[in-house]
Amino acid sequence: MERTANLLRGRGRRIKVLVAKLGLDGHDRGAKVVARALRDAGMEVIYTGIRQTPEQVVSAALQEDVDVIGVSILSGAHLNLMKRLIDLLKKEGADDIPVFLGGTIPIPDIPKLKEIGIKEVFLPGTHLNLIRDYILGVVGERKEH
């Protein structure tokens, strides 16, 4: 936890993460578990709720000035929805915000998602500490640039 505390203090504010559920899927247990774990790690978490569009997520990310966007998808529309989200971030000049994805994602789609611009994909069963450490790492990298 010392690393977390130092990074949070060094930024002058807590790390701000937007967690969203894209698409028509109404199952948000996993997103809520991740959001709670990130809050417990000292991050500020904005949870947008279920059935969000890429436009809504990008709008919220810009309004909240987030450091990272985490998306949960179980509906199978991940390639189209994530491409749209990344395209909108680019259009808004905010494509420097790292985006990670979690959910039931077919393994063969992971390289395609990374080509689109998704920084990391977390599959079901990923330990929450790995997600926390990933966020600390990407925020630390952004801070250095």
N, C-alpha and C. Protein backbone atom coordinates (compact mmCIF):
# COMPACT_ATOMS: atom_id res chain seq x y z
N MET A 1 0.81 -1.20 0.00
CA MET A 1 0.00 0.00 0.00
C MET A 1 0.85 1.27 0.00
N GLU A 2 2.10 1.17 0.43
CA GLU A 2 2.97 2.34 0.46
C GLU A 2 3.12 2.95 -0.93
N ARG A 3 3.28 2.11 -1.96
CA ARG A 3 3.40 2.60 -3.33
C ARG A 3 2.15 3.38 -3.72
N THR A 4 0.99 2.86 -3.35
CA THR A 4 -0.26 3.54 -3.66
C THR A 4 -0.28 4.92 -3.00
N ALA A 5 0.02 4.97 -1.73
CA ALA A 5 -0.05 6.23 -1.00
C ALA A 5 0.92 7.25 -1.59
N ASN A 6 2.14 6.83 -1.91
CA ASN A 6 3.12 7.76 -2.47
C ASN A 6 2.67 8.30 -3.81
N LEU A 7 2.17 7.44 -4.67
CA LEU A 7 1.74 7.90 -5.99
C LEU A 7 0.56 8.85 -5.87
N LEU A 8 -0.36 8.55 -4.98
CA LEU A 8 -1.52 9.42 -4.83
C LEU A 8 -1.10 10.79 -4.31
N ARG A 9 -0.22 10.82 -3.32
CA ARG A 9 0.24 12.09 -2.78
C ARG A 9 1.05 12.86 -3.82
N GLY A 10 1.85 12.17 -4.60
CA GLY A 10 2.72 12.81 -5.59
C GLY A 10 1.94 13.52 -6.69
N ARG A 11 0.73 13.10 -6.95
CA ARG A 11 -0.08 13.71 -8.00
C ARG A 11 -0.83 14.94 -7.49
N GLY A 12 -0.87 15.14 -6.19
CA GLY A 12 -1.62 16.26 -5.66
C GLY A 12 -3.10 15.98 -5.52
N ARG A 13 -3.55 14.87 -6.03
CA ARG A 13 -4.94 14.43 -5.88
C ARG A 13 -4.97 12.93 -6.08
N ARG A 14 -6.07 12.33 -5.67
CA ARG A 14 -6.20 10.89 -5.86
C ARG A 14 -6.32 10.56 -7.34
N ILE A 15 -5.89 9.35 -7.69
CA ILE A 15 -6.09 8.86 -9.06
C ILE A 15 -7.58 8.76 -9.28
N LYS A 16 -8.03 9.23 -10.44
CA LYS A 16 -9.46 9.23 -10.75
C LYS A 16 -9.71 8.23 -11.89
N VAL A 17 -10.57 7.24 -11.60
CA VAL A 17 -10.89 6.17 -12.55
C VAL A 17 -12.38 6.19 -12.86
N LEU A 18 -12.70 6.15 -14.14
CA LEU A 18 -14.09 6.00 -14.55
C LEU A 18 -14.33 4.53 -14.87
N VAL A 19 -15.33 3.93 -14.26
CA VAL A 19 -15.71 2.54 -14.52
C VAL A 19 -17.08 2.56 -15.18
N ALA A 20 -17.19 1.88 -16.34
CA ALA A 20 -18.43 1.93 -17.11
C ALA A 20 -18.81 0.55 -17.63
N LYS A 21 -20.09 0.35 -17.81
CA LYS A 21 -20.65 -0.84 -18.45
C LYS A 21 -21.20 -0.40 -19.81
N LEU A 22 -20.53 -0.84 -20.87
CA LEU A 22 -20.98 -0.49 -22.21
C LEU A 22 -21.95 -1.53 -22.75
N GLY A 23 -22.86 -1.07 -23.57
CA GLY A 23 -23.76 -1.99 -24.26
C GLY A 23 -25.00 -2.32 -23.48
N LEU A 24 -25.69 -3.33 -23.95
CA LEU A 24 -27.01 -3.68 -23.40
C LEU A 24 -26.98 -4.64 -22.23
N ASP A 25 -25.81 -5.14 -21.89
CA ASP A 25 -25.70 -6.09 -20.78
C ASP A 25 -26.07 -5.41 -19.46
N GLY A 26 -26.87 -6.06 -18.67
CA GLY A 26 -27.30 -5.50 -17.40
C GLY A 26 -26.61 -6.09 -16.19
N HIS A 27 -25.61 -6.93 -16.39
CA HIS A 27 -24.90 -7.55 -15.27
C HIS A 27 -23.70 -6.69 -14.89
N ASP A 28 -23.74 -6.11 -13.70
CA ASP A 28 -22.65 -5.20 -13.34
C ASP A 28 -21.93 -5.59 -12.05
N ARG A 29 -22.10 -6.81 -11.61
CA ARG A 29 -21.45 -7.23 -10.37
C ARG A 29 -19.94 -7.07 -10.45
N GLY A 30 -19.34 -7.55 -11.54
CA GLY A 30 -17.90 -7.46 -11.70
C GLY A 30 -17.40 -6.03 -11.70
N ALA A 31 -18.10 -5.16 -12.40
CA ALA A 31 -17.71 -3.74 -12.45
C ALA A 31 -17.78 -3.12 -11.05
N LYS A 32 -18.80 -3.47 -10.30
CA LYS A 32 -18.93 -2.93 -8.95
C LYS A 32 -17.84 -3.46 -8.02
N VAL A 33 -17.47 -4.73 -8.18
CA VAL A 33 -16.39 -5.31 -7.36
C VAL A 33 -15.07 -4.58 -7.66
N VAL A 34 -14.79 -4.36 -8.93
CA VAL A 34 -13.56 -3.65 -9.31
C VAL A 34 -13.61 -2.22 -8.78
N ALA A 35 -14.73 -1.54 -8.94
CA ALA A 35 -14.85 -0.17 -8.46
C ALA A 35 -14.60 -0.09 -6.96
N ARG A 36 -15.16 -1.00 -6.21
CA ARG A 36 -14.96 -1.00 -4.75
C ARG A 36 -13.50 -1.25 -4.39
N ALA A 37 -12.86 -2.18 -5.08
CA ALA A 37 -11.45 -2.48 -4.81
C ALA A 37 -10.56 -1.27 -5.09
N LEU A 38 -10.87 -0.55 -6.15
CA LEU A 38 -10.08 0.63 -6.48
C LEU A 38 -10.31 1.75 -5.46
N ARG A 39 -11.55 1.89 -4.99
CA ARG A 39 -11.83 2.86 -3.93
C ARG A 39 -11.07 2.48 -2.66
N ASP A 40 -11.09 1.19 -2.34
CA ASP A 40 -10.38 0.72 -1.15
C ASP A 40 -8.88 0.96 -1.25
N ALA A 41 -8.36 1.03 -2.48
CA ALA A 41 -6.94 1.30 -2.69
C ALA A 41 -6.64 2.80 -2.65
N GLY A 42 -7.66 3.63 -2.43
CA GLY A 42 -7.46 5.06 -2.30
C GLY A 42 -7.74 5.87 -3.54
N MET A 43 -8.27 5.23 -4.58
CA MET A 43 -8.57 5.96 -5.81
C MET A 43 -9.97 6.54 -5.75
N GLU A 44 -10.17 7.59 -6.50
CA GLU A 44 -11.52 8.14 -6.67
C GLU A 44 -12.14 7.41 -7.86
N VAL A 45 -13.32 6.84 -7.69
CA VAL A 45 -13.96 6.06 -8.74
C VAL A 45 -15.31 6.67 -9.09
N ILE A 46 -15.50 6.87 -10.38
CA ILE A 46 -16.79 7.31 -10.90
C ILE A 46 -17.38 6.11 -11.61
N TYR A 47 -18.51 5.62 -11.12
CA TYR A 47 -19.17 4.49 -11.76
C TYR A 47 -20.39 5.01 -12.50
N THR A 48 -20.42 4.82 -13.82
CA THR A 48 -21.48 5.41 -14.64
C THR A 48 -22.74 4.56 -14.71
N GLY A 49 -22.68 3.32 -14.23
CA GLY A 49 -23.85 2.46 -14.29
C GLY A 49 -23.92 1.65 -15.57
N ILE A 50 -25.02 0.93 -15.72
CA ILE A 50 -25.18 0.00 -16.84
C ILE A 50 -25.73 0.71 -18.08
N ARG A 51 -25.61 0.00 -19.19
CA ARG A 51 -26.17 0.39 -20.48
C ARG A 51 -25.69 1.76 -20.98
N GLN A 52 -24.40 1.99 -20.86
CA GLN A 52 -23.81 3.24 -21.32
C GLN A 52 -23.39 3.12 -22.78
N THR A 53 -23.41 4.23 -23.48
CA THR A 53 -22.92 4.29 -24.85
C THR A 53 -21.48 4.80 -24.82
N PRO A 54 -20.71 4.56 -25.88
CA PRO A 54 -19.37 5.14 -25.92
C PRO A 54 -19.40 6.66 -25.78
N GLU A 55 -20.39 7.31 -26.36
CA GLU A 55 -20.51 8.76 -26.26
C GLU A 55 -20.68 9.20 -24.80
N GLN A 56 -21.51 8.49 -24.06
CA GLN A 56 -21.73 8.83 -22.65
C GLN A 56 -20.46 8.64 -21.83
N VAL A 57 -19.73 7.57 -22.12
CA VAL A 57 -18.50 7.28 -21.37
C VAL A 57 -17.45 8.36 -21.64
N VAL A 58 -17.26 8.71 -22.89
CA VAL A 58 -16.27 9.72 -23.23
C VAL A 58 -16.67 11.07 -22.63
N SER A 59 -17.93 11.42 -22.71
CA SER A 59 -18.41 12.67 -22.12
C SER A 59 -18.12 12.70 -20.62
N ALA A 60 -18.46 11.64 -19.93
CA ALA A 60 -18.21 11.57 -18.48
C ALA A 60 -16.72 11.63 -18.17
N ALA A 61 -15.90 10.94 -18.95
CA ALA A 61 -14.45 10.94 -18.73
C ALA A 61 -13.88 12.35 -18.86
N LEU A 62 -14.36 13.08 -19.85
CA LEU A 62 -13.87 14.44 -20.06
C LEU A 62 -14.37 15.38 -18.96
N GLN A 63 -15.63 15.26 -18.59
CA GLN A 63 -16.20 16.12 -17.55
C GLN A 63 -15.52 15.90 -16.21
N GLU A 64 -15.20 14.64 -15.93
CA GLU A 64 -14.61 14.29 -14.63
C GLU A 64 -13.09 14.39 -14.62
N ASP A 65 -12.47 14.62 -15.80
CA ASP A 65 -11.01 14.72 -15.91
C ASP A 65 -10.34 13.48 -15.31
N VAL A 66 -10.74 12.32 -15.81
CA VAL A 66 -10.23 11.06 -15.26
C VAL A 66 -8.83 10.74 -15.77
N ASP A 67 -8.14 9.91 -14.99
CA ASP A 67 -6.81 9.45 -15.36
C ASP A 67 -6.86 8.16 -16.17
N VAL A 68 -7.88 7.36 -15.94
CA VAL A 68 -8.01 6.03 -16.56
C VAL A 68 -9.49 5.73 -16.76
N ILE A 69 -9.79 4.98 -17.84
CA ILE A 69 -11.15 4.49 -18.07
C ILE A 69 -11.12 2.97 -18.03
N GLY A 70 -12.00 2.40 -17.23
CA GLY A 70 -12.16 0.95 -17.17
C GLY A 70 -13.55 0.59 -17.66
N VAL A 71 -13.62 -0.33 -18.60
CA VAL A 71 -14.90 -0.72 -19.20
C VAL A 71 -15.14 -2.20 -18.94
N SER A 72 -16.37 -2.53 -18.62
CA SER A 72 -16.78 -3.92 -18.45
C SER A 72 -17.81 -4.26 -19.52
N ILE A 73 -17.56 -5.35 -20.23
CA ILE A 73 -18.49 -5.79 -21.29
C ILE A 73 -18.66 -7.30 -21.21
N LEU A 74 -19.89 -7.73 -21.26
CA LEU A 74 -20.20 -9.16 -21.33
C LEU A 74 -21.09 -9.49 -22.52
N SER A 75 -21.50 -8.47 -23.26
CA SER A 75 -22.53 -8.65 -24.27
C SER A 75 -22.05 -9.21 -25.60
N GLY A 76 -20.74 -9.24 -25.82
CA GLY A 76 -20.22 -9.73 -27.09
C GLY A 76 -20.01 -8.66 -28.13
N ALA A 77 -20.35 -7.43 -27.82
CA ALA A 77 -20.20 -6.33 -28.78
C ALA A 77 -18.92 -5.53 -28.52
N HIS A 78 -17.97 -6.16 -27.86
CA HIS A 78 -16.78 -5.46 -27.39
C HIS A 78 -15.95 -4.83 -28.50
N LEU A 79 -15.78 -5.49 -29.64
CA LEU A 79 -14.94 -4.93 -30.71
C LEU A 79 -15.54 -3.62 -31.25
N ASN A 80 -16.80 -3.65 -31.58
CA ASN A 80 -17.44 -2.45 -32.12
C ASN A 80 -17.52 -1.32 -31.10
N LEU A 81 -17.94 -1.66 -29.88
CA LEU A 81 -18.10 -0.63 -28.86
C LEU A 81 -16.76 -0.01 -28.46
N MET A 82 -15.73 -0.83 -28.33
CA MET A 82 -14.43 -0.29 -27.92
C MET A 82 -13.79 0.53 -29.04
N LYS A 83 -13.99 0.12 -30.28
CA LYS A 83 -13.47 0.91 -31.40
C LYS A 83 -14.13 2.28 -31.40
N ARG A 84 -15.43 2.31 -31.19
CA ARG A 84 -16.16 3.57 -31.16
C ARG A 84 -15.66 4.45 -30.01
N LEU A 85 -15.45 3.87 -28.84
CA LEU A 85 -14.98 4.62 -27.68
C LEU A 85 -13.60 5.21 -27.96
N ILE A 86 -12.69 4.42 -28.49
CA ILE A 86 -11.33 4.90 -28.79
C ILE A 86 -11.38 5.99 -29.87
N ASP A 87 -12.20 5.79 -30.90
CA ASP A 87 -12.34 6.81 -31.95
C ASP A 87 -12.85 8.13 -31.38
N LEU A 88 -13.80 8.06 -30.46
CA LEU A 88 -14.33 9.28 -29.84
C LEU A 88 -13.28 9.97 -28.97
N LEU A 89 -12.50 9.19 -28.24
CA LEU A 89 -11.42 9.79 -27.44
C LEU A 89 -10.43 10.51 -28.35
N LYS A 90 -10.09 9.88 -29.48
CA LYS A 90 -9.17 10.53 -30.44
C LYS A 90 -9.77 11.82 -30.96
N LYS A 91 -11.04 11.77 -31.32
CA LYS A 91 -11.73 12.96 -31.86
C LYS A 91 -11.70 14.11 -30.85
N GLU A 92 -11.81 13.78 -29.57
CA GLU A 92 -11.82 14.80 -28.51
C GLU A 92 -10.41 15.18 -28.05
N GLY A 93 -9.38 14.57 -28.65
CA GLY A 93 -8.02 14.85 -28.24
C GLY A 93 -7.67 14.27 -26.89
N ALA A 94 -8.39 13.24 -26.49
CA ALA A 94 -8.20 12.63 -25.17
C ALA A 94 -7.73 11.18 -25.28
N ASP A 95 -7.10 10.84 -26.38
CA ASP A 95 -6.66 9.45 -26.56
C ASP A 95 -5.43 9.12 -25.73
N ASP A 96 -4.97 10.07 -24.90
CA ASP A 96 -3.90 9.77 -23.95
C ASP A 96 -4.46 9.16 -22.66
N ILE A 97 -5.78 9.12 -22.52
CA ILE A 97 -6.38 8.46 -21.35
C ILE A 97 -6.34 6.96 -21.59
N PRO A 98 -5.61 6.22 -20.75
CA PRO A 98 -5.56 4.76 -20.94
C PRO A 98 -6.93 4.13 -20.69
N VAL A 99 -7.26 3.16 -21.54
CA VAL A 99 -8.53 2.44 -21.43
C VAL A 99 -8.21 0.97 -21.23
N PHE A 100 -8.81 0.39 -20.17
CA PHE A 100 -8.70 -1.05 -19.99
C PHE A 100 -10.08 -1.66 -20.03
N LEU A 101 -10.11 -2.94 -20.34
CA LEU A 101 -11.36 -3.66 -20.55
C LEU A 101 -11.38 -4.89 -19.68
N GLY A 102 -12.54 -5.20 -19.13
CA GLY A 102 -12.73 -6.42 -18.37
C GLY A 102 -14.03 -7.07 -18.78
N GLY A 103 -14.10 -8.36 -18.56
CA GLY A 103 -15.33 -9.09 -18.87
C GLY A 103 -15.04 -10.38 -19.59
N THR A 104 -16.10 -10.96 -20.12
CA THR A 104 -15.98 -12.21 -20.85
C THR A 104 -15.59 -11.87 -22.29
N ILE A 105 -14.31 -11.87 -22.54
CA ILE A 105 -13.75 -11.49 -23.84
C ILE A 105 -13.09 -12.72 -24.44
N PRO A 106 -13.45 -13.10 -25.67
CA PRO A 106 -12.76 -14.23 -26.30
C PRO A 106 -11.27 -13.93 -26.47
N ILE A 107 -10.45 -14.86 -26.05
CA ILE A 107 -8.99 -14.66 -26.11
C ILE A 107 -8.51 -14.26 -27.50
N PRO A 108 -9.03 -14.84 -28.60
CA PRO A 108 -8.56 -14.41 -29.93
C PRO A 108 -8.85 -12.93 -30.24
N ASP A 109 -9.76 -12.30 -29.52
CA ASP A 109 -10.08 -10.89 -29.76
C ASP A 109 -9.14 -9.93 -29.04
N ILE A 110 -8.37 -10.42 -28.10
CA ILE A 110 -7.51 -9.53 -27.31
C ILE A 110 -6.49 -8.79 -28.18
N PRO A 111 -5.78 -9.44 -29.11
CA PRO A 111 -4.86 -8.67 -29.96
C PRO A 111 -5.58 -7.61 -30.80
N LYS A 112 -6.78 -7.92 -31.27
CA LYS A 112 -7.55 -6.94 -32.04
C LYS A 112 -7.89 -5.73 -31.18
N LEU A 113 -8.27 -5.98 -29.93
CA LEU A 113 -8.60 -4.89 -29.02
C LEU A 113 -7.39 -4.02 -28.74
N LYS A 114 -6.24 -4.65 -28.60
CA LYS A 114 -5.01 -3.87 -28.34
C LYS A 114 -4.62 -3.07 -29.58
N GLU A 115 -4.87 -3.60 -30.76
CA GLU A 115 -4.62 -2.84 -31.99
C GLU A 115 -5.50 -1.59 -32.06
N ILE A 116 -6.73 -1.72 -31.61
CA ILE A 116 -7.67 -0.59 -31.58
C ILE A 116 -7.15 0.51 -30.66
N GLY A 117 -6.48 0.10 -29.58
CA GLY A 117 -5.97 1.08 -28.62
C GLY A 117 -6.28 0.77 -27.17
N ILE A 118 -6.88 -0.39 -26.91
CA ILE A 118 -7.14 -0.80 -25.53
C ILE A 118 -5.80 -1.19 -24.92
N LYS A 119 -5.49 -0.62 -23.76
CA LYS A 119 -4.17 -0.84 -23.15
C LYS A 119 -4.04 -2.21 -22.49
N GLU A 120 -5.13 -2.69 -21.88
CA GLU A 120 -5.06 -3.99 -21.21
C GLU A 120 -6.44 -4.60 -21.15
N VAL A 121 -6.47 -5.94 -21.13
CA VAL A 121 -7.72 -6.69 -21.03
C VAL A 121 -7.60 -7.64 -19.84
N PHE A 122 -8.57 -7.56 -18.95
CA PHE A 122 -8.61 -8.42 -17.77
C PHE A 122 -9.79 -9.38 -17.90
N LEU A 123 -9.49 -10.65 -17.83
CA LEU A 123 -10.50 -11.69 -17.97
C LEU A 123 -11.09 -12.06 -16.61
N PRO A 124 -12.24 -12.74 -16.59
CA PRO A 124 -12.82 -13.16 -15.31
C PRO A 124 -11.80 -13.95 -14.49
N GLY A 125 -11.79 -13.67 -13.20
CA GLY A 125 -10.86 -14.36 -12.29
C GLY A 125 -9.56 -13.61 -12.06
N THR A 126 -9.36 -12.49 -12.76
CA THR A 126 -8.15 -11.69 -12.54
C THR A 126 -8.16 -11.16 -11.11
N HIS A 127 -7.03 -11.30 -10.44
CA HIS A 127 -6.94 -10.81 -9.06
C HIS A 127 -7.04 -9.28 -9.06
N LEU A 128 -7.78 -8.74 -8.14
CA LEU A 128 -8.02 -7.30 -8.08
C LEU A 128 -6.73 -6.50 -7.88
N ASN A 129 -5.75 -7.09 -7.20
CA ASN A 129 -4.47 -6.40 -7.01
C ASN A 129 -3.77 -6.17 -8.35
N LEU A 130 -3.95 -7.08 -9.31
CA LEU A 130 -3.34 -6.89 -10.63
C LEU A 130 -3.95 -5.68 -11.35
N ILE A 131 -5.25 -5.51 -11.20
CA ILE A 131 -5.91 -4.36 -11.82
C ILE A 131 -5.44 -3.07 -11.14
N ARG A 132 -5.40 -3.07 -9.82
CA ARG A 132 -4.90 -1.91 -9.08
C ARG A 132 -3.48 -1.56 -9.51
N ASP A 133 -2.60 -2.56 -9.56
CA ASP A 133 -1.21 -2.32 -9.92
C ASP A 133 -1.07 -1.84 -11.36
N TYR A 134 -1.92 -2.35 -12.24
CA TYR A 134 -1.91 -1.89 -13.63
C TYR A 134 -2.21 -0.38 -13.67
N ILE A 135 -3.25 0.03 -12.96
CA ILE A 135 -3.64 1.45 -12.95
C ILE A 135 -2.52 2.30 -12.38
N LEU A 136 -1.93 1.87 -11.27
CA LEU A 136 -0.82 2.62 -10.70
C LEU A 136 0.31 2.76 -11.71
N GLY A 137 0.57 1.71 -12.47
CA GLY A 137 1.64 1.75 -13.47
C GLY A 137 1.34 2.71 -14.60
N VAL A 138 0.14 2.63 -15.17
CA VAL A 138 -0.14 3.51 -16.32
C VAL A 138 -0.27 4.97 -15.90
N VAL A 139 -0.79 5.21 -14.71
CA VAL A 139 -0.86 6.60 -14.24
C VAL A 139 0.54 7.12 -13.97
N GLY A 140 1.40 6.28 -13.41
CA GLY A 140 2.79 6.67 -13.18
C GLY A 140 3.51 6.98 -14.48
N GLU A 141 3.25 6.20 -15.52
CA GLU A 141 3.85 6.45 -16.85
C GLU A 141 3.37 7.77 -17.42
N ARG A 142 2.07 8.04 -17.30
CA ARG A 142 1.53 9.31 -17.82
C ARG A 142 2.13 10.50 -17.08
N LYS A 143 2.32 10.34 -15.77
CA LYS A 143 2.87 11.42 -14.96
C LYS A 143 4.31 11.75 -15.39
N GLU A 144 5.07 10.74 -15.79
CA GLU A 144 6.45 10.94 -16.19
C GLU A 144 6.58 11.65 -17.53
N HIS A 145 5.54 11.60 -18.36
CA HIS A 145 5.62 12.21 -19.70
C HIS A 145 5.13 13.63 -19.73
